[in-house]
Amino acid sequence: MQFRSDEHKRRFNDLCERDKTNIKDIERCSLFYIFSGTELLYKNIEMLYTLRIIL
């Protein structure tokens, strides 16, 4: 995957880790790629998307 910056990659990895997303889940990874590419979307992730919490 090509990231726009190191920060973009860091935010993407953060979202995937918080959601416990399998890297093979292409649809969810695509969504997180978009969310992580823009600081405004990333900062407001809680309003846009409910991250899965697996206990």
C-alpha atoms as a PDB file:
ATOM      1  CA  MET A   1       0.000   0.000   0.000  1.00  0.00           C
ATOM      2  CA  GLN A   2       1.332   3.452  -0.844  1.00  0.00           C
ATOM      3  CA  PHE A   3       0.915   6.075   1.855  1.00  0.00           C
ATOM      4  CA  ARG A   4       1.115   9.814   1.366  1.00  0.00           C
ATOM      5  CA  SER A   5       3.410  10.233   4.373  1.00  0.00           C
ATOM      6  CA  ASP A   6       4.762   8.495   7.447  1.00  0.00           C
ATOM      7  CA  GLU A   7       1.969  10.132   9.452  1.00  0.00           C
ATOM      8  CA  HIS A   8      -0.645   8.677   7.093  1.00  0.00           C
ATOM      9  CA  LYS A   9       0.849   5.218   7.606  1.00  0.00           C
ATOM     10  CA  ARG A  10       0.982   5.664  11.388  1.00  0.00           C
ATOM     11  CA  ARG A  11      -2.683   6.722  11.547  1.00  0.00           C
ATOM     12  CA  PHE A  12      -3.725   3.843   9.271  1.00  0.00           C
ATOM     13  CA  ASN A  13      -1.922   1.311  11.462  1.00  0.00           C
ATOM     14  CA  ASP A  14      -3.445   2.890  14.562  1.00  0.00           C
ATOM     15  CA  LEU A  15      -6.990   2.510  13.200  1.00  0.00           C
ATOM     16  CA  CYS A  16      -6.393  -1.079  12.122  1.00  0.00           C
ATOM     17  CA  GLU A  17      -4.944  -1.963  15.520  1.00  0.00           C
ATOM     18  CA  ARG A  18      -7.738  -0.256  17.451  1.00  0.00           C
ATOM     19  CA  ASP A  19     -10.364  -2.059  15.352  1.00  0.00           C
ATOM     20  CA  LYS A  20      -8.421  -5.336  15.252  1.00  0.00           C
ATOM     21  CA  THR A  21      -8.856  -5.364  11.487  1.00  0.00           C
ATOM     22  CA  ASN A  22      -7.551  -8.314   9.524  1.00  0.00           C
ATOM     23  CA  ILE A  23      -5.296  -7.032   6.732  1.00  0.00           C
ATOM     24  CA  LYS A  24      -7.277  -9.259   4.323  1.00  0.00           C
ATOM     25  CA  ASP A  25     -10.431  -7.205   4.998  1.00  0.00           C
ATOM     26  CA  ILE A  26      -9.958  -5.024   1.940  1.00  0.00           C
ATOM     27  CA  GLU A  27     -13.149  -2.994   2.356  1.00  0.00           C
ATOM     28  CA  ARG A  28     -12.370  -1.983   5.932  1.00  0.00           C
ATOM     29  CA  CYS A  29      -8.701  -1.304   5.104  1.00  0.00           C
ATOM     30  CA  SER A  30      -9.811   0.918   2.216  1.00  0.00           C
ATOM     31  CA  LEU A  31     -12.062   2.894   4.539  1.00  0.00           C
ATOM     32  CA  PHE A  32      -9.291   3.289   7.106  1.00  0.00           C
ATOM     33  CA  TYR A  33      -6.876   4.313   4.347  1.00  0.00           C
ATOM     34  CA  ILE A  34      -9.206   7.192   3.458  1.00  0.00           C
ATOM     35  CA  PHE A  35      -9.886   8.163   7.073  1.00  0.00           C
ATOM     36  CA  SER A  36      -6.200   8.114   7.954  1.00  0.00           C
ATOM     37  CA  GLY A  37      -5.192  10.188   4.935  1.00  0.00           C
ATOM     38  CA  THR A  38      -6.903  13.328   6.223  1.00  0.00           C
ATOM     39  CA  GLU A  39      -6.193  14.733   9.669  1.00  0.00           C
ATOM     40  CA  LEU A  40      -9.747  16.076  10.055  1.00  0.00           C
ATOM     41  CA  LEU A  41     -11.301  12.671   9.329  1.00  0.00           C
ATOM     42  CA  TYR A  42      -8.821  10.894  11.582  1.00  0.00           C
ATOM     43  CA  LYS A  43      -9.440  13.261  14.493  1.00  0.00           C
ATOM     44  CA  ASN A  44     -13.204  12.762  14.149  1.00  0.00           C
ATOM     45  CA  ILE A  45     -13.143   8.998  13.633  1.00  0.00           C
ATOM     46  CA  GLU A  46     -15.456   8.402  16.614  1.00  0.00           C
ATOM     47  CA  MET A  47     -18.179  10.468  14.927  1.00  0.00           C
ATOM     48  CA  LEU A  48     -17.751   8.718  11.588  1.00  0.00           C
ATOM     49  CA  TYR A  49     -17.184   5.107  12.494  1.00  0.00           C
ATOM     50  CA  THR A  50     -17.715   2.851  15.490  1.00  0.00           C
ATOM     51  CA  LEU A  51     -14.544   0.869  16.015  1.00  0.00           C
ATOM     52  CA  ARG A  52     -15.147  -2.750  16.945  1.00  0.00           C
ATOM     53  CA  ILE A  53     -14.279  -3.643  20.483  1.00  0.00           C
ATOM     54  CA  ILE A  54     -13.566  -7.319  20.889  1.00  0.00           C
ATOM     55  CA  LEU A  55     -13.344  -8.499  24.463  1.00  0.00           C
END
